Amino acid sequence: MGVMKELPTPLLPLLRPLPLAAPRRFDTPHPAQTPSGLAVCWARHADEVSAAQRLRHLVFAEEMGARLTPPPGTPVGHDVDRFDAYCEHLIVRTPATDDAPAEVVGTYRVLTPGGARRAGGWYSDTEFDLAPLQPLRVRTLELGRSCIHPAHRQGGVIMALWAALARFMAQCGLDTTLGCASIPMHDGGHSAAAIWHELARTHLAPQGQRVMPRLPLPVGALGHGLQAEPPALIKGYLRCGAQVLGAPAWDPDFNTADLPLMMQLADLPARYRRHFMGPLV
């Protein structure tokens, strides 16, 4: 759902057109167009995946300062980990003009149940013990590596991505999303802990769905009495009905606190259901 990170394991070659893990009958013949002219589509070829990975590197490494450790052979300026070869890559492109080619300005990395089986699990398994969610795996889509180019963060790109994801889930018979949503730790984690303390009071999942971080942020020693707002992406997920599955994990490479979030389509408010899914439901 939010930022996701890398594991230092070999990447499968991306030298041929990439098949979608979802049934191809759900593909649209042309990219969907937003009112602003942006094109939303699923990457089909290695060059499209490469463009998404370059955007991820721009945001995560160059803007956020993350310490990326991609597999050997990764091109310079790309964010790559072992899960990429098993994922679908949703991208948003600007229209080409006489002065500039089309540019990928938004992306999500999407791991379907079939892709997760081939990968040996979700990325989120590396940050949390997700044993309580075992019954949900066959109908859960894991979202990660979400990012938007700094010049396109006015809201249109993320809404286009969410609409495409919601329709994809409905068409493929999936009803749950999972992911790790990141909170920067520039203040040593105090804001992240304060956000967790508040969300634990207002948006905590039922006991049977709560998970444990593998490297916990020491929230008990942080954030007491501090007022802090969740990042915009997390607030957007919460407005769409997401629940927090437990306390945050600490990611030292990205210097973030990662909250485990889950959202089920049944909890999507009616106004978002109409906006994102239209006549499908």
C-alpha atoms as a PDB file:
ATOM      1  CA  MET A   1       0.000   0.000   0.000  1.00  0.00           C
ATOM      2  CA  GLY A   2       2.679   2.458   0.932  1.00  0.00           C
ATOM      3  CA  VAL A   3       6.423   2.366   0.419  1.00  0.00           C
ATOM      4  CA  MET A   4       7.908  -1.090   0.256  1.00  0.00           C
ATOM      5  CA  LYS A   5      11.558  -2.036   0.293  1.00  0.00           C
ATOM      6  CA  GLU A   6      14.024  -4.491  -1.168  1.00  0.00           C
ATOM      7  CA  LEU A   7      15.654  -7.822  -0.292  1.00  0.00           C
ATOM      8  CA  PRO A   8      19.156  -8.637  -1.625  1.00  0.00           C
ATOM      9  CA  THR A   9      18.225 -11.712  -3.686  1.00  0.00           C
ATOM     10  CA  PRO A  10      18.635 -12.327  -7.421  1.00  0.00           C
ATOM     11  CA  LEU A  11      16.161 -10.735  -9.768  1.00  0.00           C
ATOM     12  CA  LEU A  12      14.616 -12.902 -12.451  1.00  0.00           C
ATOM     13  CA  PRO A  13      15.481 -11.547 -15.918  1.00  0.00           C
ATOM     14  CA  LEU A  14      13.119  -8.923 -17.316  1.00  0.00           C
ATOM     15  CA  LEU A  15      14.082  -9.436 -20.957  1.00  0.00           C
ATOM     16  CA  ARG A  16      10.734 -10.364 -22.483  1.00  0.00           C
ATOM     17  CA  PRO A  17       7.157  -9.074 -22.358  1.00  0.00           C
ATOM     18  CA  LEU A  18       5.824  -9.584 -18.855  1.00  0.00           C
ATOM     19  CA  PRO A  19       2.608 -11.626 -18.566  1.00  0.00           C
ATOM     20  CA  LEU A  20       0.020 -10.392 -16.121  1.00  0.00           C
ATOM     21  CA  ALA A  21      -0.735 -12.766 -13.274  1.00  0.00           C
ATOM     22  CA  ALA A  22      -4.427 -11.841 -13.520  1.00  0.00           C
ATOM     23  CA  PRO A  23      -6.500 -13.340 -16.356  1.00  0.00           C
ATOM     24  CA  ARG A  24      -5.780 -11.416 -19.556  1.00  0.00           C
ATOM     25  CA  ARG A  25      -9.477 -11.238 -20.405  1.00  0.00           C
ATOM     26  CA  PHE A  26      -9.664  -8.398 -17.853  1.00  0.00           C
ATOM     27  CA  ASP A  27      -7.136  -6.277 -19.735  1.00  0.00           C
ATOM     28  CA  THR A  28      -8.423  -3.154 -21.416  1.00  0.00           C
ATOM     29  CA  PRO A  29      -7.452  -2.781 -25.101  1.00  0.00           C
ATOM     30  CA  HIS A  30      -6.173   0.757 -24.501  1.00  0.00           C
ATOM     31  CA  PRO A  31      -4.928   2.613 -21.416  1.00  0.00           C
ATOM     32  CA  ALA A  32      -7.701   4.320 -19.486  1.00  0.00           C
ATOM     33  CA  GLN A  33      -7.636   8.115 -19.830  1.00  0.00           C
ATOM     34  CA  THR A  34      -8.254  10.538 -16.996  1.00  0.00           C
ATOM     35  CA  PRO A  35      -9.915  13.941 -17.574  1.00  0.00           C
ATOM     36  CA  SER A  36      -6.464  15.551 -17.354  1.00  0.00           C
ATOM     37  CA  GLY A  37      -5.140  13.355 -20.161  1.00  0.00           C
ATOM     38  CA  LEU A  38      -3.124  10.969 -17.991  1.00  0.00           C
ATOM     39  CA  ALA A  39      -3.047   7.343 -19.172  1.00  0.00           C
ATOM     40  CA  VAL A  40      -3.457   4.515 -16.633  1.00  0.00           C
ATOM     41  CA  CYS A  41      -2.365   1.005 -17.631  1.00  0.00           C
ATOM     42  CA  TRP A  42      -0.669  -2.204 -16.536  1.00  0.00           C
ATOM     43  CA  ALA A  43       2.949  -2.580 -17.643  1.00  0.00           C
ATOM     44  CA  ARG A  44       3.267  -5.254 -20.330  1.00  0.00           C
ATOM     45  CA  HIS A  45       6.920  -4.968 -21.305  1.00  0.00           C
ATOM     46  CA  ALA A  46      10.293  -4.642 -19.593  1.00  0.00           C
ATOM     47  CA  ASP A  47      10.763  -1.025 -20.664  1.00  0.00           C
ATOM     48  CA  GLU A  48       7.518  -0.045 -18.913  1.00  0.00           C
ATOM     49  CA  VAL A  49       8.592  -1.820 -15.721  1.00  0.00           C
ATOM     50  CA  SER A  50      11.978  -0.116 -16.013  1.00  0.00           C
ATOM     51  CA  ALA A  51      10.300   3.299 -16.208  1.00  0.00           C
ATOM     52  CA  ALA A  52       8.374   2.530 -12.997  1.00  0.00           C
ATOM     53  CA  GLN A  53      11.581   1.416 -11.286  1.00  0.00           C
ATOM     54  CA  ARG A  54      13.324   4.639 -12.313  1.00  0.00           C
ATOM     55  CA  LEU A  55      10.481   6.661 -10.802  1.00  0.00           C
ATOM     56  CA  ARG A  56      10.763   4.628  -7.611  1.00  0.00           C
ATOM     57  CA  HIS A  57      14.491   5.326  -7.437  1.00  0.00           C
ATOM     58  CA  LEU A  58      13.863   9.042  -7.933  1.00  0.00           C
ATOM     59  CA  VAL A  59      11.367   9.154  -5.063  1.00  0.00           C
ATOM     60  CA  PHE A  60      12.823   6.656  -2.606  1.00  0.00           C
ATOM     61  CA  ALA A  61      16.576   7.113  -3.052  1.00  0.00           C
ATOM     62  CA  GLU A  62      17.025  10.624  -4.421  1.00  0.00           C
ATOM     63  CA  GLU A  63      14.152  12.364  -2.622  1.00  0.00           C
ATOM     64  CA  MET A  64      13.769  10.334   0.572  1.00  0.00           C
ATOM     65  CA  GLY A  65      17.392   9.250   0.980  1.00  0.00           C
ATOM     66  CA  ALA A  66      16.716   5.511   1.247  1.00  0.00           C
ATOM     67  CA  ARG A  67      19.690   3.141   1.183  1.00  0.00           C
ATOM     68  CA  LEU A  68      18.732   0.797  -1.651  1.00  0.00           C
ATOM     69  CA  THR A  69      20.537  -2.527  -2.082  1.00  0.00           C
ATOM     70  CA  PRO A  70      19.375  -3.848  -5.465  1.00  0.00           C
ATOM     71  CA  PRO A  71      20.481  -7.223  -6.835  1.00  0.00           C
ATOM     72  CA  PRO A  72      23.707  -7.429  -8.860  1.00  0.00           C
ATOM     73  CA  GLY A  73      23.214  -6.313 -12.443  1.00  0.00           C
ATOM     74  CA  THR A  74      20.498  -3.769 -11.644  1.00  0.00           C
ATOM     75  CA  PRO A  75      20.842  -0.727 -13.936  1.00  0.00           C
ATOM     76  CA  VAL A  76      21.973   2.461 -12.264  1.00  0.00           C
ATOM     77  CA  GLY A  77      19.072   4.646 -11.143  1.00  0.00           C
ATOM     78  CA  HIS A  78      16.562   1.787 -10.730  1.00  0.00           C
ATOM     79  CA  ASP A  79      14.834   0.544  -7.571  1.00  0.00           C
ATOM     80  CA  VAL A  80      14.612  -3.247  -7.889  1.00  0.00           C
ATOM     81  CA  ASP A  81      14.111  -6.149  -5.491  1.00  0.00           C
ATOM     82  CA  ARG A  82      13.332  -9.837  -5.845  1.00  0.00           C
ATOM     83  CA  PHE A  83       9.555  -9.339  -5.754  1.00  0.00           C
ATOM     84  CA  ASP A  84       9.451  -7.222  -8.912  1.00  0.00           C
ATOM     85  CA  ALA A  85       9.628 -10.229 -11.222  1.00  0.00           C
ATOM     86  CA  TYR A  86       6.478 -11.701  -9.639  1.00  0.00           C
ATOM     87  CA  CYS A  87       4.446  -8.488  -9.536  1.00  0.00           C
ATOM     88  CA  GLU A  88       2.198  -6.548 -11.844  1.00  0.00           C
ATOM     89  CA  HIS A  89       3.160  -2.899 -12.232  1.00  0.00           C
ATOM     90  CA  LEU A  90       0.397  -0.322 -12.521  1.00  0.00           C
ATOM     91  CA  ILE A  91       1.580   2.929 -14.087  1.00  0.00           C
ATOM     92  CA  VAL A  92       0.268   6.393 -14.871  1.00  0.00           C
ATOM     93  CA  ARG A  93       1.798   8.255 -17.828  1.00  0.00           C
ATOM     94  CA  THR A  94       1.610  11.816 -19.030  1.00  0.00           C
ATOM     95  CA  PRO A  95       0.555  12.320 -22.652  1.00  0.00           C
ATOM     96  CA  ALA A  96       3.326  12.668 -25.221  1.00  0.00           C
ATOM     97  CA  THR A  97       3.712  16.128 -26.753  1.00  0.00           C
ATOM     98  CA  ASP A  98       5.783  17.667 -29.523  1.00  0.00           C
ATOM     99  CA  ASP A  99       8.216  18.833 -26.860  1.00  0.00           C
ATOM    100  CA  ALA A 100       8.399  15.779 -24.573  1.00  0.00           C
ATOM    101  CA  PRO A 101       7.749  12.021 -24.651  1.00  0.00           C
ATOM    102  CA  ALA A 102       5.239  10.354 -22.345  1.00  0.00           C
ATOM    103  CA  GLU A 103       6.557  10.030 -18.801  1.00  0.00           C
ATOM    104  CA  VAL A 104       5.639   7.608 -15.999  1.00  0.00           C
ATOM    105  CA  VAL A 105       4.589   9.818 -13.071  1.00  0.00           C
ATOM    106  CA  GLY A 106       2.869   7.316 -10.780  1.00  0.00           C
ATOM    107  CA  THR A 107       3.104   3.620 -10.003  1.00  0.00           C
ATOM    108  CA  TYR A 108       2.018   0.803  -7.715  1.00  0.00           C
ATOM    109  CA  ARG A 109       3.577  -2.620  -7.462  1.00  0.00           C
ATOM    110  CA  VAL A 110       0.852  -5.267  -7.163  1.00  0.00           C
ATOM    111  CA  LEU A 111       1.326  -8.842  -5.963  1.00  0.00           C
ATOM    112  CA  THR A 112      -1.613 -11.120  -6.764  1.00  0.00           C
ATOM    113  CA  PRO A 113      -2.299 -14.350  -4.839  1.00  0.00           C
ATOM    114  CA  GLY A 114      -0.720 -16.350  -7.676  1.00  0.00           C
ATOM    115  CA  GLY A 115       2.297 -14.064  -7.783  1.00  0.00           C
ATOM    116  CA  ALA A 116       2.706 -14.350  -4.008  1.00  0.00           C
ATOM    117  CA  ARG A 117       2.720 -18.148  -4.238  1.00  0.00           C
ATOM    118  CA  ARG A 118       5.458 -18.036  -6.855  1.00  0.00           C
ATOM    119  CA  ALA A 119       7.436 -15.485  -4.833  1.00  0.00           C
ATOM    120  CA  GLY A 120       7.182 -17.547  -1.657  1.00  0.00           C
ATOM    121  CA  GLY A 121       4.979 -15.029   0.170  1.00  0.00           C
ATOM    122  CA  TRP A 122       4.096 -11.371   0.395  1.00  0.00           C
ATOM    123  CA  TYR A 123       6.688  -8.652   0.813  1.00  0.00           C
ATOM    124  CA  SER A 124       4.854  -7.804   4.057  1.00  0.00           C
ATOM    125  CA  ASP A 125       5.883 -11.222   5.415  1.00  0.00           C
ATOM    126  CA  THR A 126       9.443  -9.880   5.633  1.00  0.00           C
ATOM    127  CA  GLU A 127       8.343  -7.124   8.037  1.00  0.00           C
ATOM    128  CA  PHE A 128       5.560  -8.819  10.027  1.00  0.00           C
ATOM    129  CA  ASP A 129       4.446 -12.198  11.278  1.00  0.00           C
ATOM    130  CA  LEU A 130       1.253 -12.470   9.239  1.00  0.00           C
ATOM    131  CA  ALA A 131       0.119 -15.893  10.440  1.00  0.00           C
ATOM    132  CA  PRO A 132      -3.324 -14.548  11.540  1.00  0.00           C
ATOM    133  CA  LEU A 133      -4.034 -13.556   7.921  1.00  0.00           C
ATOM    134  CA  GLN A 134      -3.424 -17.003   6.433  1.00  0.00           C
ATOM    135  CA  PRO A 135      -7.128 -17.599   5.567  1.00  0.00           C
ATOM    136  CA  LEU A 136      -7.185 -14.345   3.550  1.00  0.00           C
ATOM    137  CA  ARG A 137      -4.220 -15.059   1.252  1.00  0.00           C
ATOM    138  CA  VAL A 138      -6.219 -16.558  -1.613  1.00  0.00           C
ATOM    139  CA  ARG A 139      -8.261 -13.384  -2.063  1.00  0.00           C
ATOM    140  CA  THR A 140      -5.756 -10.687  -1.087  1.00  0.00           C
ATOM    141  CA  LEU A 141      -3.846  -8.285  -3.321  1.00  0.00           C
ATOM    142  CA  GLU A 142      -0.659  -6.859  -1.814  1.00  0.00           C
ATOM    143  CA  LEU A 143       0.113  -3.251  -2.737  1.00  0.00           C
ATOM    144  CA  GLY A 144       3.530  -1.701  -2.471  1.00  0.00           C
ATOM    145  CA  ARG A 145       6.170   0.651  -3.835  1.00  0.00           C
ATOM    146  CA  SER A 146       3.543   3.337  -4.414  1.00  0.00           C
ATOM    147  CA  CYS A 147       5.026   6.633  -5.484  1.00  0.00           C
ATOM    148  CA  ILE A 148       4.181   9.745  -7.478  1.00  0.00           C
ATOM    149  CA  HIS A 149       6.526  12.154  -9.199  1.00  0.00           C
ATOM    150  CA  PRO A 150       7.003  15.329  -7.105  1.00  0.00           C
ATOM    151  CA  ALA A 151       5.515  17.485  -9.874  1.00  0.00           C
ATOM    152  CA  HIS A 152       2.254  15.470  -9.979  1.00  0.00           C
ATOM    153  CA  ARG A 153       1.076  15.234  -6.367  1.00  0.00           C
ATOM    154  CA  GLN A 154      -2.114  17.231  -6.653  1.00  0.00           C
ATOM    155  CA  GLY A 155      -4.392  14.193  -6.255  1.00  0.00           C
ATOM    156  CA  GLY A 156      -5.280  13.173  -9.798  1.00  0.00           C
ATOM    157  CA  VAL A 157      -2.576  10.526 -10.129  1.00  0.00           C
ATOM    158  CA  ILE A 158      -3.362   8.676  -6.897  1.00  0.00           C
ATOM    159  CA  MET A 159      -7.094   8.703  -7.621  1.00  0.00           C
ATOM    160  CA  ALA A 160      -6.446   7.246 -11.079  1.00  0.00           C
ATOM    161  CA  LEU A 161      -4.290   4.508  -9.561  1.00  0.00           C
ATOM    162  CA  TRP A 162      -6.886   3.656  -6.917  1.00  0.00           C
ATOM    163  CA  ALA A 163      -9.695   3.490  -9.463  1.00  0.00           C
ATOM    164  CA  ALA A 164      -7.701   1.070 -11.614  1.00  0.00           C
ATOM    165  CA  LEU A 165      -6.859  -1.067  -8.579  1.00  0.00           C
ATOM    166  CA  ALA A 166     -10.477  -1.224  -7.389  1.00  0.00           C
ATOM    167  CA  ARG A 167     -11.736  -2.294 -10.808  1.00  0.00           C
ATOM    168  CA  PHE A 168      -8.952  -4.865 -11.127  1.00  0.00           C
ATOM    169  CA  MET A 169      -9.917  -6.396  -7.789  1.00  0.00           C
ATOM    170  CA  ALA A 170     -13.605  -6.533  -8.617  1.00  0.00           C
ATOM    171  CA  GLN A 171     -12.976  -8.120 -12.006  1.00  0.00           C
ATOM    172  CA  CYS A 172     -10.560 -10.698 -10.573  1.00  0.00           C
ATOM    173  CA  GLY A 173     -12.750 -11.683  -7.618  1.00  0.00           C
ATOM    174  CA  LEU A 174     -10.379 -10.297  -4.968  1.00  0.00           C
ATOM    175  CA  ASP A 175     -11.784  -8.477  -1.956  1.00  0.00           C
ATOM    176  CA  THR A 176      -8.824  -7.522   0.271  1.00  0.00           C
ATOM    177  CA  THR A 177      -5.688  -5.394  -0.009  1.00  0.00           C
ATOM    178  CA  LEU A 178      -2.658  -5.525   2.234  1.00  0.00           C
ATOM    179  CA  GLY A 179       0.461  -3.401   2.485  1.00  0.00           C
ATOM    180  CA  CYS A 180       2.990  -1.550   4.604  1.00  0.00           C
ATOM    181  CA  ALA A 181       2.390   2.195   4.792  1.00  0.00           C
ATOM    182  CA  SER A 182       5.473   4.183   5.703  1.00  0.00           C
ATOM    183  CA  ILE A 183       5.888   7.111   8.091  1.00  0.00           C
ATOM    184  CA  PRO A 184       9.167   9.089   7.922  1.00  0.00           C
ATOM    185  CA  MET A 185      11.312   9.055  11.063  1.00  0.00           C
ATOM    186  CA  HIS A 186      13.207  12.325  10.707  1.00  0.00           C
ATOM    187  CA  ASP A 187      12.399  13.106  14.348  1.00  0.00           C
ATOM    188  CA  GLY A 188      13.632   9.752  15.626  1.00  0.00           C
ATOM    189  CA  GLY A 189      10.237   8.069  15.436  1.00  0.00           C
ATOM    190  CA  HIS A 190       8.261  10.259  17.854  1.00  0.00           C
ATOM    191  CA  SER A 191       5.689  11.311  15.229  1.00  0.00           C
ATOM    192  CA  ALA A 192       5.348   7.736  13.989  1.00  0.00           C
ATOM    193  CA  ALA A 193       4.718   6.500  17.525  1.00  0.00           C
ATOM    194  CA  ALA A 194       2.167   9.253  18.170  1.00  0.00           C
ATOM    195  CA  ILE A 195       0.339   8.365  14.950  1.00  0.00           C
ATOM    196  CA  TRP A 196       0.305   4.708  15.991  1.00  0.00           C
ATOM    197  CA  HIS A 197      -1.050   5.526  19.459  1.00  0.00           C
ATOM    198  CA  GLU A 198      -3.920   7.495  17.898  1.00  0.00           C
ATOM    199  CA  LEU A 199      -4.723   4.975  15.152  1.00  0.00           C
ATOM    200  CA  ALA A 200      -4.640   2.137  17.657  1.00  0.00           C
ATOM    201  CA  ARG A 201      -7.491   3.946  19.390  1.00  0.00           C
ATOM    202  CA  THR A 202      -9.524   4.684  16.240  1.00  0.00           C
ATOM    203  CA  HIS A 203      -8.646   2.232  13.445  1.00  0.00           C
ATOM    204  CA  LEU A 204      -7.235  -0.956  14.985  1.00  0.00           C
ATOM    205  CA  ALA A 205      -8.315  -4.250  13.393  1.00  0.00           C
ATOM    206  CA  PRO A 206     -10.081  -6.949  15.436  1.00  0.00           C
ATOM    207  CA  GLN A 207      -7.873  -9.048  17.702  1.00  0.00           C
ATOM    208  CA  GLY A 208      -7.908 -12.073  15.375  1.00  0.00           C
ATOM    209  CA  GLN A 209      -6.375 -10.073  12.526  1.00  0.00           C
ATOM    210  CA  ARG A 210      -3.571  -8.340  14.405  1.00  0.00           C
ATOM    211  CA  VAL A 211       0.031  -9.019  13.436  1.00  0.00           C
ATOM    212  CA  MET A 212       3.433  -8.565  15.060  1.00  0.00           C
ATOM    213  CA  PRO A 213       6.398  -6.625  13.621  1.00  0.00           C
ATOM    214  CA  ARG A 214       9.641  -8.527  13.179  1.00  0.00           C
ATOM    215  CA  LEU A 215      11.698  -5.415  14.049  1.00  0.00           C
ATOM    216  CA  PRO A 216       9.363  -3.326  16.232  1.00  0.00           C
ATOM    217  CA  LEU A 217       9.559   0.411  16.559  1.00  0.00           C
ATOM    218  CA  PRO A 218       9.855   1.048  20.346  1.00  0.00           C
ATOM    219  CA  VAL A 219       6.535   2.879  20.455  1.00  0.00           C
ATOM    220  CA  GLY A 220       6.265   2.607  24.236  1.00  0.00           C
ATOM    221  CA  ALA A 221       9.202   4.975  24.642  1.00  0.00           C
ATOM    222  CA  LEU A 222       8.185   7.446  21.939  1.00  0.00           C
ATOM    223  CA  GLY A 223       5.506   9.925  21.016  1.00  0.00           C
ATOM    224  CA  HIS A 224       3.769  10.453  24.357  1.00  0.00           C
ATOM    225  CA  GLY A 225       1.657  13.600  24.261  1.00  0.00           C
ATOM    226  CA  LEU A 226       2.812  14.561  20.768  1.00  0.00           C
ATOM    227  CA  GLN A 227       0.193  15.611  18.204  1.00  0.00           C
ATOM    228  CA  ALA A 228       1.037  14.292  14.737  1.00  0.00           C
ATOM    229  CA  GLU A 229      -0.898  13.905  11.486  1.00  0.00           C
ATOM    230  CA  PRO A 230      -0.600  10.715   9.413  1.00  0.00           C
ATOM    231  CA  PRO A 231       0.930  11.144   5.953  1.00  0.00           C
ATOM    232  CA  ALA A 232      -1.580  11.958   3.215  1.00  0.00           C
ATOM    233  CA  LEU A 233      -1.429   8.455   1.733  1.00  0.00           C
ATOM    234  CA  ILE A 234      -2.311   6.837   5.060  1.00  0.00           C
ATOM    235  CA  LYS A 235      -5.165   9.295   5.605  1.00  0.00           C
ATOM    236  CA  GLY A 236      -6.468   8.377   2.157  1.00  0.00           C
ATOM    237  CA  TYR A 237      -6.377   4.675   2.966  1.00  0.00           C
ATOM    238  CA  LEU A 238      -8.208   5.255   6.232  1.00  0.00           C
ATOM    239  CA  ARG A 239     -10.929   7.253   4.466  1.00  0.00           C
ATOM    240  CA  CYS A 240     -11.371   4.237   2.177  1.00  0.00           C
ATOM    241  CA  GLY A 241     -11.973   1.937   5.156  1.00  0.00           C
ATOM    242  CA  ALA A 242      -8.482   0.602   5.887  1.00  0.00           C
ATOM    243  CA  GLN A 243      -7.646  -0.812   9.302  1.00  0.00           C
ATOM    244  CA  VAL A 244      -4.310  -0.913  11.114  1.00  0.00           C
ATOM    245  CA  LEU A 245      -3.232  -4.501  11.821  1.00  0.00           C
ATOM    246  CA  GLY A 246      -0.750  -3.757  14.570  1.00  0.00           C
ATOM    247  CA  ALA A 247       2.196  -1.712  15.787  1.00  0.00           C
ATOM    248  CA  PRO A 248       4.724  -0.405  13.260  1.00  0.00           C
ATOM    249  CA  ALA A 249       7.909  -2.103  12.183  1.00  0.00           C
ATOM    250  CA  TRP A 250      11.134  -0.126  11.870  1.00  0.00           C
ATOM    251  CA  ASP A 251      12.933  -0.105   8.528  1.00  0.00           C
ATOM    252  CA  PRO A 252      16.464   1.207   9.101  1.00  0.00           C
ATOM    253  CA  ASP A 253      17.354   1.325   5.374  1.00  0.00           C
ATOM    254  CA  PHE A 254      14.461   3.640   4.579  1.00  0.00           C
ATOM    255  CA  ASN A 255      14.436   5.245   8.050  1.00  0.00           C
ATOM    256  CA  THR A 256      10.679   4.739   8.224  1.00  0.00           C
ATOM    257  CA  ALA A 257       8.112   3.242  10.543  1.00  0.00           C
ATOM    258  CA  ASP A 258       5.933   0.866   8.529  1.00  0.00           C
ATOM    259  CA  LEU A 259       2.319   0.349   9.557  1.00  0.00           C
ATOM    260  CA  PRO A 260       0.580  -2.841   8.404  1.00  0.00           C
ATOM    261  CA  LEU A 261      -2.713  -1.846   6.772  1.00  0.00           C
ATOM    262  CA  MET A 262      -5.536  -3.939   5.356  1.00  0.00           C
ATOM    263  CA  MET A 263      -8.607  -2.816   3.446  1.00  0.00           C
ATOM    264  CA  GLN A 264     -11.562  -4.883   2.291  1.00  0.00           C
ATOM    265  CA  LEU A 265     -13.841  -3.837  -0.551  1.00  0.00           C
ATOM    266  CA  ALA A 266     -16.850  -4.458   1.663  1.00  0.00           C
ATOM    267  CA  ASP A 267     -15.645  -1.592   3.872  1.00  0.00           C
ATOM    268  CA  LEU A 268     -15.192   0.871   1.003  1.00  0.00           C
ATOM    269  CA  PRO A 269     -17.613   3.776   1.616  1.00  0.00           C
ATOM    270  CA  ALA A 270     -20.380   4.109  -0.947  1.00  0.00           C
ATOM    271  CA  ARG A 271     -19.093   7.389  -2.378  1.00  0.00           C
ATOM    272  CA  TYR A 272     -15.686   5.854  -3.125  1.00  0.00           C
ATOM    273  CA  ARG A 273     -17.283   2.678  -4.436  1.00  0.00           C
ATOM    274  CA  ARG A 274     -19.232   4.701  -7.008  1.00  0.00           C
ATOM    275  CA  HIS A 275     -16.199   6.805  -7.926  1.00  0.00           C
ATOM    276  CA  PHE A 276     -13.674   3.980  -8.241  1.00  0.00           C
ATOM    277  CA  MET A 277     -15.743   1.051  -9.447  1.00  0.00           C
ATOM    278  CA  GLY A 278     -18.617   2.625 -11.378  1.00  0.00           C
ATOM    279  CA  PRO A 279     -20.993   0.163 -13.036  1.00  0.00           C
ATOM    280  CA  LEU A 280     -19.060  -2.949 -11.985  1.00  0.00           C
ATOM    281  CA  VAL A 281     -20.821  -3.085  -8.607  1.00  0.00           C
END
